[in-house]
Amino acid sequence: MEEEGLSFEQFDRNVEKPNNSKELDSVILKQTLNTINSDAGIKPIPIKNEELSEKDKESLKERLFKNDDISDDEDEYIKNKKKEIENIKPHYSSEDEMIKFSIQDLKTFIEKLEQSNLELALEFQNDPDPVYYESINENIQVIEKKKRVLKDLEDILVKKEESVGHRFLFGGSSCMVAACVTNPIDVLKTRLQIHGELNKMNTGGSGSFIGSTINVIRSEGIAGLYKGLTPSLLREGSYSTIRMGGYDIIKGYFIDQNGKTNLLSKILSGGISGAIGASIANPSDLIKVRMQASSKGIKYKSIGEAFRQIITKEGWGGLYKGVWPTTQRAALLTASQIPSYDHVKHLLLDHGIIKEEGLRAHVISSIFAGLVASITTSPVDLVKTRIMNQPVDANGKGLLYSSSFDCFKKTYRAEGFFGLYKGFLPNWFRIGPHTIVTFIAYEYLRKIGGISPV
C-alpha cells in the first residue's frame, strides 16, 4: 500500500519548529527533503528539534534519490545517483553534500518543468483543450513550491559558509575564557619549570606545587597568580583563534564519502593548525612567559612596553625567540588535544556509551583530551619556557642554551628524565581545566551560532 503523502502547506503548518530561529537549519533540511518527495506519496520523516543523526542522514539521502518526477525508472535512477555521489567529495560534511546535491536536482527539475510548460503553452495555442490549461496551472504551482524549497536550501548553504568565520571567533573566545580561569595554574607551572634549572640537586625554594602556591601568594599576593594575564589573552585571541578554527577547516578536506574522518587525519589537521597559530602568535607567548616567570616585581608595565624593550635590546628577532619549541609544542598540543576530544566524544556517542550530545559527553572527552595533551607536550613545554626565559647577552643571544635540542640535552643530563616533566602536575591541572572550559564554551557557542558540534 502506498504511504500517505503530505502537501507542502500541510507540512509547513504541522512541522514542529524550535523557538530559537538559529536552530532551524536541521529542521528546514528535513522539511525540505521531505517536501521534494511529497508528490511521490512518501510519508515524511518526523521532525524533531535536534541535529540529524547519521541514520537520518542516510535515510534522507536515500529518499532524496527517489524522485519519480525526474526519472521513470526509479531503480536505475537511484543506482546512478549513488554512483554520482561516490565521486563527490563533501565540502564540510555529508549534510552539506546532501544540500548541494538537492540544489542541483531541484534546478534540473525546475528547468525541465518550465520547458514542459512552454511546450504545453504552444500546444494550447494550437488546440485550446482545458486539459492543457489544467496541466500548465498544476506545473506552475509545483514550480513555485520547488522554488521555495530551493531558496530554503540555498539559504542553509550560505549560512554554513558564513559560519566559517564564526568557527574562528568562537574558538578564540572559548580559549580566552579558559585562560582567565587557569592563569594562576599557568603561573605556578612556569615557576616550577624554571625552579632549580640545570641543578642536579635542588635545595631550598619551592619545588612543589603546593609550596610554590604558598610562596607566590606570600611574596606577591593573589595578584601574583594573575601575572601575564593580558599577554595570555592576546595569545589565545591570536594563536587559539587560528588553531581551533583552522582545525575544523583543514579536517573538512579529509572527510570521506560517509561524512567521517579517521584519527590520523584529525591528528594531522590539529598539528597543522596548531603550528600555524603558534608561529604567528609567538611574541605574545614570549611576553606571557617572561611576565609569569618574574617573581621580582613586574617585568613589563604593559604589553606595549614589553614589545619596545624586547625590540630595543634583542631586535625584532627577539620577539620570535623560542619560536621553534613553541611551534613544536603547539603542533603536539593541538594534534593531541582536539583530535582526542573529537575522537573520544564520537566513540562514546557512536557506541551508545553516552546517549546524546551534551555536557556529560563534553566533560568526559575533555578530561581525557587534557591528560593526553599534558603527557605529550610537557617536555616540549619545559624546553620552550626555559628558552624564552633564559638571560641574554648584549647581542640578544641566549647565555644558557644555543638551541631547543641543546636545552633538552642539558636538562636531561643535569636533571634526568623526570627533569623534563618538571611542572607536569600543574601543567595537567592547567591543561585539564583549560580543555574542559574551552570545549564546553566552544560547543555552546557553536550551538547558539547554528554550527554543528565538533
Protein backbone atom coordinates (compact mmCIF):
# COMPACT_ATOMS: atom_id res chain seq x y z
CA MET A 1 0.00 0.00 0.00
CA GLU A 2 1.32 3.46 -0.92
CA GLU A 3 2.49 5.56 2.02
CA GLU A 4 0.49 8.64 2.91
CA GLY A 5 1.84 11.88 1.40
CA LEU A 6 1.63 15.38 2.84
CA SER A 7 1.26 18.64 0.94
CA PHE A 8 3.76 21.47 1.33
CA GLU A 9 1.15 23.68 3.02
CA GLN A 10 0.11 20.96 5.50
CA PHE A 11 3.69 20.06 6.19
CA ASP A 12 4.64 23.70 6.77
CA ARG A 13 1.75 24.17 9.21
CA ASN A 14 2.34 20.96 11.15
CA VAL A 15 6.13 20.97 11.37
CA GLU A 16 7.43 21.36 14.93
CA LYS A 17 9.69 24.42 14.91
CA PRO A 18 12.10 25.40 17.71
CA ASN A 19 11.77 28.77 19.39
CA ASN A 20 15.34 29.78 18.57
CA SER A 21 15.45 30.63 14.86
CA LYS A 22 19.16 29.84 14.76
CA GLU A 23 18.34 26.18 15.42
CA LEU A 24 16.13 25.89 12.33
CA ASP A 25 18.75 24.55 9.89
CA SER A 26 18.34 20.85 10.58
CA VAL A 27 14.56 21.23 10.76
CA ILE A 28 14.40 23.09 7.43
CA LEU A 29 16.68 20.48 5.88
CA LYS A 30 14.38 17.65 6.91
CA GLN A 31 11.32 19.62 5.87
CA THR A 32 12.89 20.47 2.54
CA LEU A 33 13.98 16.96 1.66
CA ASN A 34 10.61 15.57 2.67
CA THR A 35 8.84 18.17 0.56
CA ILE A 36 10.86 17.23 -2.52
CA ASN A 37 9.32 13.77 -2.31
CA SER A 38 5.85 14.67 -1.08
CA ASP A 39 4.31 14.40 -4.56
CA ALA A 40 5.62 10.85 -4.84
CA GLY A 41 3.42 9.80 -1.92
CA ILE A 42 6.26 9.18 0.52
CA LYS A 43 5.40 9.72 4.16
CA PRO A 44 7.63 12.43 5.66
CA ILE A 45 10.19 11.64 8.34
CA PRO A 46 9.15 13.08 11.74
CA ILE A 47 10.73 16.43 12.51
CA LYS A 48 12.44 16.91 15.88
CA ASN A 49 14.38 19.84 17.32
CA GLU A 50 17.75 18.13 17.19
CA GLU A 51 20.70 17.56 14.88
CA LEU A 52 20.32 14.94 12.17
CA SER A 53 21.63 11.53 13.22
CA GLU A 54 23.75 9.52 10.79
CA LYS A 55 20.82 7.13 10.36
CA ASP A 56 18.51 10.04 9.47
CA LYS A 57 21.05 11.42 7.01
CA GLU A 58 21.32 8.08 5.22
CA SER A 59 17.54 7.74 5.16
CA LEU A 60 17.12 11.26 3.78
CA LYS A 61 19.83 10.69 1.22
CA GLU A 62 18.05 7.51 0.09
CA ARG A 63 14.70 9.29 -0.16
CA LEU A 64 16.24 12.23 -1.95
CA PHE A 65 17.11 9.92 -4.82
CA LYS A 66 13.54 8.65 -5.05
CA ASN A 67 12.26 11.49 -7.21
CA ASP A 68 9.97 9.92 -9.80
CA ASP A 69 9.29 13.36 -11.30
CA ILE A 70 12.75 13.23 -12.86
CA SER A 71 13.09 9.60 -13.86
CA ASP A 72 10.56 6.96 -14.91
CA ASP A 73 12.95 4.14 -13.98
CA GLU A 74 13.26 4.70 -10.24
CA ASP A 75 15.66 1.81 -9.51
CA GLU A 76 18.02 2.86 -12.29
CA TYR A 77 17.82 6.48 -11.12
CA ILE A 78 18.77 5.55 -7.54
CA LYS A 79 21.62 3.37 -8.80
CA ASN A 80 23.03 6.18 -10.97
CA LYS A 81 22.68 8.74 -8.18
CA LYS A 82 24.61 6.51 -5.80
CA LYS A 83 27.41 6.24 -8.34
CA GLU A 84 27.44 10.02 -8.80
CA ILE A 85 27.52 10.77 -5.08
CA GLU A 86 30.51 8.45 -4.57
CA ASN A 87 32.52 10.81 -6.80
CA ILE A 88 31.57 13.94 -4.89
CA LYS A 89 33.85 15.00 -2.04
CA PRO A 90 31.87 16.86 0.66
CA HIS A 91 32.99 20.41 1.44
CA TYR A 92 32.45 20.31 5.19
CA SER A 93 30.20 17.37 5.99
CA SER A 94 27.81 14.82 4.50
CA GLU A 95 24.93 17.16 5.30
CA ASP A 96 26.43 19.84 3.06
CA GLU A 97 26.85 17.24 0.36
CA MET A 98 23.16 16.41 0.52
CA ILE A 99 22.20 20.07 0.34
CA LYS A 100 24.36 20.71 -2.73
CA PHE A 101 23.02 17.59 -4.39
CA SER A 102 19.45 18.63 -3.62
CA ILE A 103 20.01 22.10 -5.07
CA GLN A 104 21.33 20.65 -8.31
CA ASP A 105 18.44 18.19 -8.58
CA LEU A 106 15.87 20.90 -7.93
CA LYS A 107 17.38 23.24 -10.53
CA THR A 108 17.32 20.43 -13.10
CA PHE A 109 13.74 19.53 -12.20
CA ILE A 110 12.54 23.18 -12.39
CA GLU A 111 14.21 23.68 -15.77
CA LYS A 112 12.53 20.55 -17.15
CA LEU A 113 9.15 21.55 -15.79
CA GLU A 114 9.45 25.08 -17.21
CA GLN A 115 10.41 23.61 -20.57
CA SER A 116 7.40 21.28 -20.35
CA ASN A 117 5.14 24.26 -19.61
CA LEU A 118 6.45 26.08 -22.67
CA GLU A 119 5.64 23.09 -24.83
CA LEU A 120 2.16 22.80 -23.27
CA ALA A 121 1.54 26.51 -23.89
CA LEU A 122 2.35 26.05 -27.59
CA GLU A 123 0.01 23.05 -27.74
CA PHE A 124 -2.73 25.08 -26.01
CA GLN A 125 -2.39 27.83 -28.64
CA ASN A 126 -2.98 25.29 -31.39
CA ASP A 127 -5.62 23.32 -29.50
CA PRO A 128 -7.33 25.17 -26.61
CA ASP A 129 -8.13 21.96 -24.75
CA PRO A 130 -8.85 22.57 -20.99
CA VAL A 131 -6.57 19.63 -20.14
CA TYR A 132 -3.54 21.65 -21.33
CA TYR A 133 -4.63 24.63 -19.25
CA GLU A 134 -5.04 22.50 -16.09
CA SER A 135 -1.64 20.86 -16.65
CA ILE A 136 0.04 24.27 -17.04
CA ASN A 137 -1.55 25.54 -13.81
CA GLU A 138 -0.53 22.41 -11.91
CA ASN A 139 3.03 22.75 -13.19
CA ILE A 140 3.16 26.43 -12.16
CA GLN A 141 2.11 25.51 -8.61
CA VAL A 142 4.72 22.75 -8.43
CA ILE A 143 7.42 25.09 -9.79
CA GLU A 144 6.58 27.75 -7.19
CA LYS A 145 6.76 25.15 -4.43
CA LYS A 146 10.07 23.80 -5.65
CA LYS A 147 11.49 27.33 -5.91
CA ARG A 148 10.60 27.97 -2.25
CA VAL A 149 12.34 24.73 -1.35
CA LEU A 150 15.36 25.73 -3.46
CA LYS A 151 15.60 29.09 -1.67
CA ASP A 152 15.50 27.34 1.72
CA LEU A 153 18.35 25.07 0.73
CA GLU A 154 20.45 27.89 -0.72
CA ASP A 155 19.91 29.92 2.47
CA ILE A 156 21.13 27.00 4.58
CA LEU A 157 24.25 26.63 2.43
CA VAL A 158 25.01 30.36 2.65
CA LYS A 159 24.64 30.22 6.44
CA LYS A 160 27.04 27.30 6.62
CA GLU A 161 29.64 29.07 4.51
CA GLU A 162 29.26 32.25 6.58
CA SER A 163 29.76 30.19 9.74
CA VAL A 164 33.42 29.58 8.84
CA GLY A 165 34.34 32.94 10.38
CA HIS A 166 32.32 32.12 13.47
CA ARG A 167 34.30 28.92 13.96
CA PHE A 168 37.47 31.02 14.32
CA LEU A 169 35.75 33.60 16.53
CA PHE A 170 34.20 31.01 18.84
CA GLY A 171 37.45 29.05 19.06
CA GLY A 172 39.46 32.08 20.18
CA SER A 173 36.73 33.32 22.55
CA SER A 174 36.37 29.96 24.32
CA CYS A 175 40.13 29.71 24.87
CA MET A 176 40.24 33.27 26.25
CA VAL A 177 37.58 32.33 28.80
CA ALA A 178 39.62 29.26 29.74
CA ALA A 179 42.79 31.37 30.06
CA CYS A 180 41.11 33.59 32.67
CA VAL A 181 40.20 30.52 34.70
CA THR A 182 43.58 28.76 34.50
CA ASN A 183 46.08 31.67 34.58
CA PRO A 184 47.04 31.03 38.27
CA ILE A 185 47.95 27.43 37.44
CA ASP A 186 49.88 28.63 34.39
CA VAL A 187 51.97 30.94 36.60
CA LEU A 188 52.75 28.09 39.01
CA LYS A 189 53.63 25.74 36.15
CA THR A 190 56.08 28.30 34.72
CA ARG A 191 57.75 28.86 38.11
CA LEU A 192 58.17 25.12 38.66
CA GLN A 193 59.64 24.63 35.19
CA ILE A 194 62.47 27.12 35.88
CA HIS A 195 62.95 26.09 39.53
CA GLY A 196 66.39 24.52 40.11
CA GLU A 197 67.26 24.98 36.45
CA LEU A 198 70.24 22.75 35.47
CA ASN A 199 70.86 21.71 39.10
CA LYS A 200 71.07 18.01 39.82
CA MET A 201 70.17 18.63 43.45
CA ASN A 202 67.51 21.23 44.18
CA THR A 203 67.92 22.71 47.63
CA GLY A 204 65.60 25.23 49.19
CA GLY A 205 62.94 27.14 47.37
CA SER A 206 59.52 25.85 46.49
CA GLY A 207 59.84 22.88 44.18
CA SER A 208 56.36 21.51 44.81
CA PHE A 209 53.01 22.65 43.52
CA ILE A 210 51.63 23.48 46.98
CA GLY A 211 54.91 25.06 48.13
CA SER A 212 55.08 27.19 45.01
CA THR A 213 51.48 28.35 45.51
CA ILE A 214 52.13 29.38 49.11
CA ASN A 215 55.37 31.13 48.15
CA VAL A 216 53.75 33.17 45.34
CA ILE A 217 50.81 34.28 47.49
CA ARG A 218 53.07 35.12 50.45
CA SER A 219 55.59 37.16 48.45
CA GLU A 220 53.44 38.63 45.67
CA GLY A 221 49.86 38.37 46.88
CA ILE A 222 46.90 36.97 44.94
CA ALA A 223 47.75 39.35 42.09
CA GLY A 224 50.95 37.35 41.55
CA LEU A 225 48.85 34.44 40.32
CA TYR A 226 47.46 36.65 37.56
CA LYS A 227 50.75 37.86 36.17
CA GLY A 228 50.86 37.66 32.39
CA LEU A 229 47.07 37.51 32.03
CA THR A 230 46.93 40.29 29.41
CA PRO A 231 49.51 38.73 27.03
CA SER A 232 47.91 35.36 27.75
CA LEU A 233 44.58 36.70 26.46
CA LEU A 234 46.34 38.24 23.47
CA ARG A 235 47.98 34.91 22.76
CA GLU A 236 44.72 32.96 22.99
CA GLY A 237 42.98 35.57 20.84
CA SER A 238 45.50 35.02 18.06
CA TYR A 239 47.03 31.55 18.44
CA SER A 240 43.90 29.71 19.61
CA THR A 241 41.64 31.51 17.15
CA ILE A 242 43.76 30.10 14.33
CA ARG A 243 44.27 26.60 15.74
CA MET A 244 40.66 26.00 16.81
CA GLY A 245 39.03 27.46 13.70
CA GLY A 246 41.70 26.08 11.39
CA TYR A 247 41.27 22.54 12.71
CA ASP A 248 37.66 22.41 11.51
CA ILE A 249 38.50 23.77 8.08
CA ILE A 250 41.54 21.53 7.48
CA LYS A 251 39.70 18.47 8.78
CA GLY A 252 36.97 19.15 6.20
CA TYR A 253 39.38 18.22 3.40
CA PHE A 254 39.84 14.72 4.88
CA ILE A 255 36.17 13.78 5.27
CA ASP A 256 35.34 10.54 3.47
CA GLN A 257 32.21 9.67 1.47
CA ASN A 258 30.36 8.67 4.65
CA GLY A 259 30.99 12.02 6.32
CA LYS A 260 33.64 10.52 8.65
CA THR A 261 37.26 11.48 9.38
CA ASN A 262 39.83 8.97 10.62
CA LEU A 263 42.07 9.61 13.64
CA LEU A 264 45.24 10.13 11.61
CA SER A 265 43.57 12.88 9.56
CA LYS A 266 42.39 14.58 12.76
CA ILE A 267 45.90 14.48 14.22
CA LEU A 268 47.37 15.91 11.03
CA SER A 269 44.73 18.68 10.95
CA GLY A 270 45.47 19.57 14.56
CA GLY A 271 49.23 19.61 14.02
CA ILE A 272 48.99 21.92 11.00
CA SER A 273 46.56 24.41 12.55
CA GLY A 274 48.48 24.47 15.85
CA ALA A 275 51.84 25.08 14.18
CA ILE A 276 50.48 27.93 12.04
CA GLY A 277 48.79 29.62 15.01
CA ALA A 278 51.83 29.35 17.30
CA SER A 279 54.33 30.64 14.75
CA ILE A 280 52.21 33.75 14.23
CA ALA A 281 51.45 34.37 17.93
CA ASN A 282 54.96 33.71 19.32
CA PRO A 283 55.59 37.33 20.51
CA SER A 284 52.58 37.29 22.85
CA ASP A 285 53.61 33.86 24.18
CA LEU A 286 57.15 35.13 24.83
CA ILE A 287 55.90 38.12 26.81
CA LYS A 288 53.46 35.93 28.78
CA VAL A 289 56.22 33.51 29.83
CA ARG A 290 58.58 36.30 30.94
CA MET A 291 55.91 38.11 32.93
CA GLN A 292 54.76 34.89 34.63
CA ALA A 293 58.34 33.78 35.37
CA SER A 294 59.29 37.04 37.10
CA SER A 295 58.99 36.79 40.87
CA LYS A 296 60.67 40.17 41.45
CA GLY A 297 58.05 42.80 40.81
CA ILE A 298 56.59 43.49 37.39
CA LYS A 299 58.89 42.71 34.48
CA TYR A 300 56.95 44.86 31.99
CA LYS A 301 54.39 47.54 32.85
CA SER A 302 52.37 46.85 29.73
CA ILE A 303 52.35 44.80 26.53
CA GLY A 304 53.43 47.89 24.59
CA GLU A 305 56.44 48.39 26.86
CA ALA A 306 57.30 44.70 26.58
CA PHE A 307 57.39 44.95 22.78
CA ARG A 308 59.53 48.12 22.93
CA GLN A 309 62.06 46.67 25.40
CA ILE A 310 62.45 43.38 23.55
CA ILE A 311 62.90 45.06 20.16
CA THR A 312 65.37 47.60 21.62
CA LYS A 313 67.52 45.05 23.47
CA GLU A 314 67.17 41.95 21.32
CA GLY A 315 66.00 43.23 17.92
CA TRP A 316 62.92 42.15 16.02
CA GLY A 317 64.19 38.60 16.09
CA GLY A 318 63.92 38.70 19.88
CA LEU A 319 60.13 38.57 19.56
CA TYR A 320 60.49 35.17 17.93
CA LYS A 321 62.88 33.71 20.45
CA GLY A 322 61.76 30.16 21.18
CA VAL A 323 59.53 30.05 18.11
CA TRP A 324 60.71 26.55 17.20
CA PRO A 325 59.88 24.87 20.55
CA THR A 326 56.70 26.98 20.73
CA THR A 327 55.62 25.73 17.32
CA GLN A 328 56.57 22.15 18.21
CA ARG A 329 54.59 22.35 21.43
CA ALA A 330 51.56 23.91 19.72
CA ALA A 331 51.60 21.30 16.96
CA LEU A 332 51.80 18.49 19.54
CA LEU A 333 49.18 20.11 21.79
CA THR A 334 46.63 20.70 19.05
CA ALA A 335 47.37 17.34 17.39
CA SER A 336 46.73 15.56 20.70
CA GLN A 337 44.11 17.75 22.40
CA ILE A 338 41.46 18.50 19.77
CA PRO A 339 41.62 15.14 17.89
CA SER A 340 41.49 13.13 21.14
CA TYR A 341 38.48 15.16 22.29
CA ASP A 342 36.85 14.83 18.87
CA HIS A 343 37.57 11.11 18.55
CA VAL A 344 36.68 10.09 22.12
CA LYS A 345 33.42 12.06 22.04
CA HIS A 346 32.28 10.39 18.84
CA LEU A 347 33.33 6.95 20.09
CA LEU A 348 31.20 7.50 23.20
CA LEU A 349 28.23 8.66 21.14
CA ASP A 350 28.56 6.16 18.27
CA HIS A 351 28.81 3.17 20.64
CA GLY A 352 25.91 4.34 22.79
CA ILE A 353 28.06 4.75 25.94
CA ILE A 354 26.65 8.26 26.15
CA LYS A 355 23.24 8.55 24.54
CA GLU A 356 23.30 12.13 23.29
CA GLU A 357 25.45 15.19 22.63
CA GLY A 358 25.65 17.34 25.75
CA LEU A 359 27.58 18.46 28.83
CA ARG A 360 28.36 14.93 30.03
CA ALA A 361 29.97 13.96 26.72
CA HIS A 362 31.90 17.25 26.60
CA VAL A 363 33.31 16.94 30.14
CA ILE A 364 34.40 13.28 29.85
CA SER A 365 36.01 13.84 26.46
CA SER A 366 37.74 16.99 27.71
CA ILE A 367 39.25 15.24 30.73
CA PHE A 368 40.74 12.54 28.53
CA ALA A 369 41.96 15.09 25.98
CA GLY A 370 43.63 17.16 28.73
CA LEU A 371 45.55 14.14 30.05
CA VAL A 372 46.73 13.09 26.57
CA ALA A 373 47.83 16.65 25.75
CA SER A 374 49.71 17.05 29.06
CA ILE A 375 51.69 13.83 28.66
CA THR A 376 52.52 14.68 25.04
CA THR A 377 53.57 18.30 25.50
CA SER A 378 55.19 18.58 28.95
CA PRO A 379 58.85 18.07 27.85
CA VAL A 380 58.50 20.48 24.90
CA ASP A 381 56.66 22.97 27.10
CA LEU A 382 59.52 22.93 29.61
CA VAL A 383 62.11 23.50 26.86
CA LYS A 384 60.02 26.35 25.43
CA THR A 385 59.74 28.04 28.84
CA ARG A 386 63.45 27.80 29.57
CA ILE A 387 64.49 29.03 26.11
CA MET A 388 62.17 32.03 26.37
CA ASN A 389 63.15 32.89 29.94
CA GLN A 390 66.94 32.44 29.72
CA PRO A 391 69.21 35.51 30.20
CA VAL A 392 70.75 37.01 27.05
CA ASP A 393 73.95 38.88 26.21
CA ALA A 394 74.26 42.34 24.65
CA ASN A 395 73.55 40.85 21.24
CA GLY A 396 70.36 39.12 22.41
CA LYS A 397 71.99 35.67 22.31
CA GLY A 398 70.97 33.18 24.98
CA LEU A 399 73.55 32.54 27.72
CA LEU A 400 72.34 29.08 28.77
CA TYR A 401 71.14 27.33 25.63
CA SER A 402 72.07 27.63 21.97
CA SER A 403 69.01 25.75 20.67
CA SER A 404 65.97 23.73 21.70
CA PHE A 405 67.92 20.50 21.36
CA ASP A 406 70.74 21.96 23.48
CA CYS A 407 68.22 22.82 26.21
CA PHE A 408 66.69 19.34 26.03
CA LYS A 409 70.12 17.68 26.22
CA LYS A 410 71.40 19.82 29.10
CA THR A 411 68.19 19.39 31.08
CA TYR A 412 68.27 15.62 30.65
CA ARG A 413 71.96 15.39 31.66
CA ALA A 414 71.61 17.66 34.69
CA GLU A 415 68.15 16.69 35.95
CA GLY A 416 67.44 13.29 34.44
CA PHE A 417 64.36 12.07 32.54
CA PHE A 418 61.92 13.35 35.14
CA GLY A 419 63.54 16.76 34.89
CA LEU A 420 61.83 17.02 31.51
CA TYR A 421 58.50 16.59 33.31
CA LYS A 422 59.04 19.32 35.89
CA GLY A 423 55.80 21.18 36.30
CA PHE A 424 53.83 18.23 34.88
CA LEU A 425 51.23 18.28 37.65
CA PRO A 426 50.38 21.99 37.30
CA ASN A 427 50.66 21.57 33.53
CA TRP A 428 47.97 18.87 33.72
CA PHE A 429 45.99 20.89 36.25
CA ARG A 430 46.12 23.76 33.78
CA ILE A 431 45.51 21.88 30.51
CA GLY A 432 42.77 19.72 32.08
CA PRO A 433 40.51 22.58 33.29
CA HIS A 434 41.58 24.71 30.32
CA THR A 435 40.46 21.93 27.96
CA ILE A 436 37.17 21.39 29.81
CA VAL A 437 36.27 25.09 29.91
CA THR A 438 37.41 25.58 26.31
CA PHE A 439 35.30 22.80 24.82
CA ILE A 440 32.21 23.43 26.94
CA ALA A 441 32.30 27.10 25.89
CA TYR A 442 33.20 26.22 22.30
CA GLU A 443 30.39 23.68 21.90
CA TYR A 444 27.88 26.10 23.48
CA LEU A 445 28.92 28.98 21.21
CA ARG A 446 28.70 26.70 18.17
CA LYS A 447 25.23 25.61 19.22
CA ILE A 448 23.84 29.15 19.62
CA GLY A 449 25.67 30.13 16.41
CA GLY A 450 23.94 27.39 14.43
CA ILE A 451 27.12 25.37 13.83
CA SER A 452 27.20 21.59 14.25
CA PRO A 453 29.21 20.16 17.20
CA VAL A 454 32.90 19.28 16.91
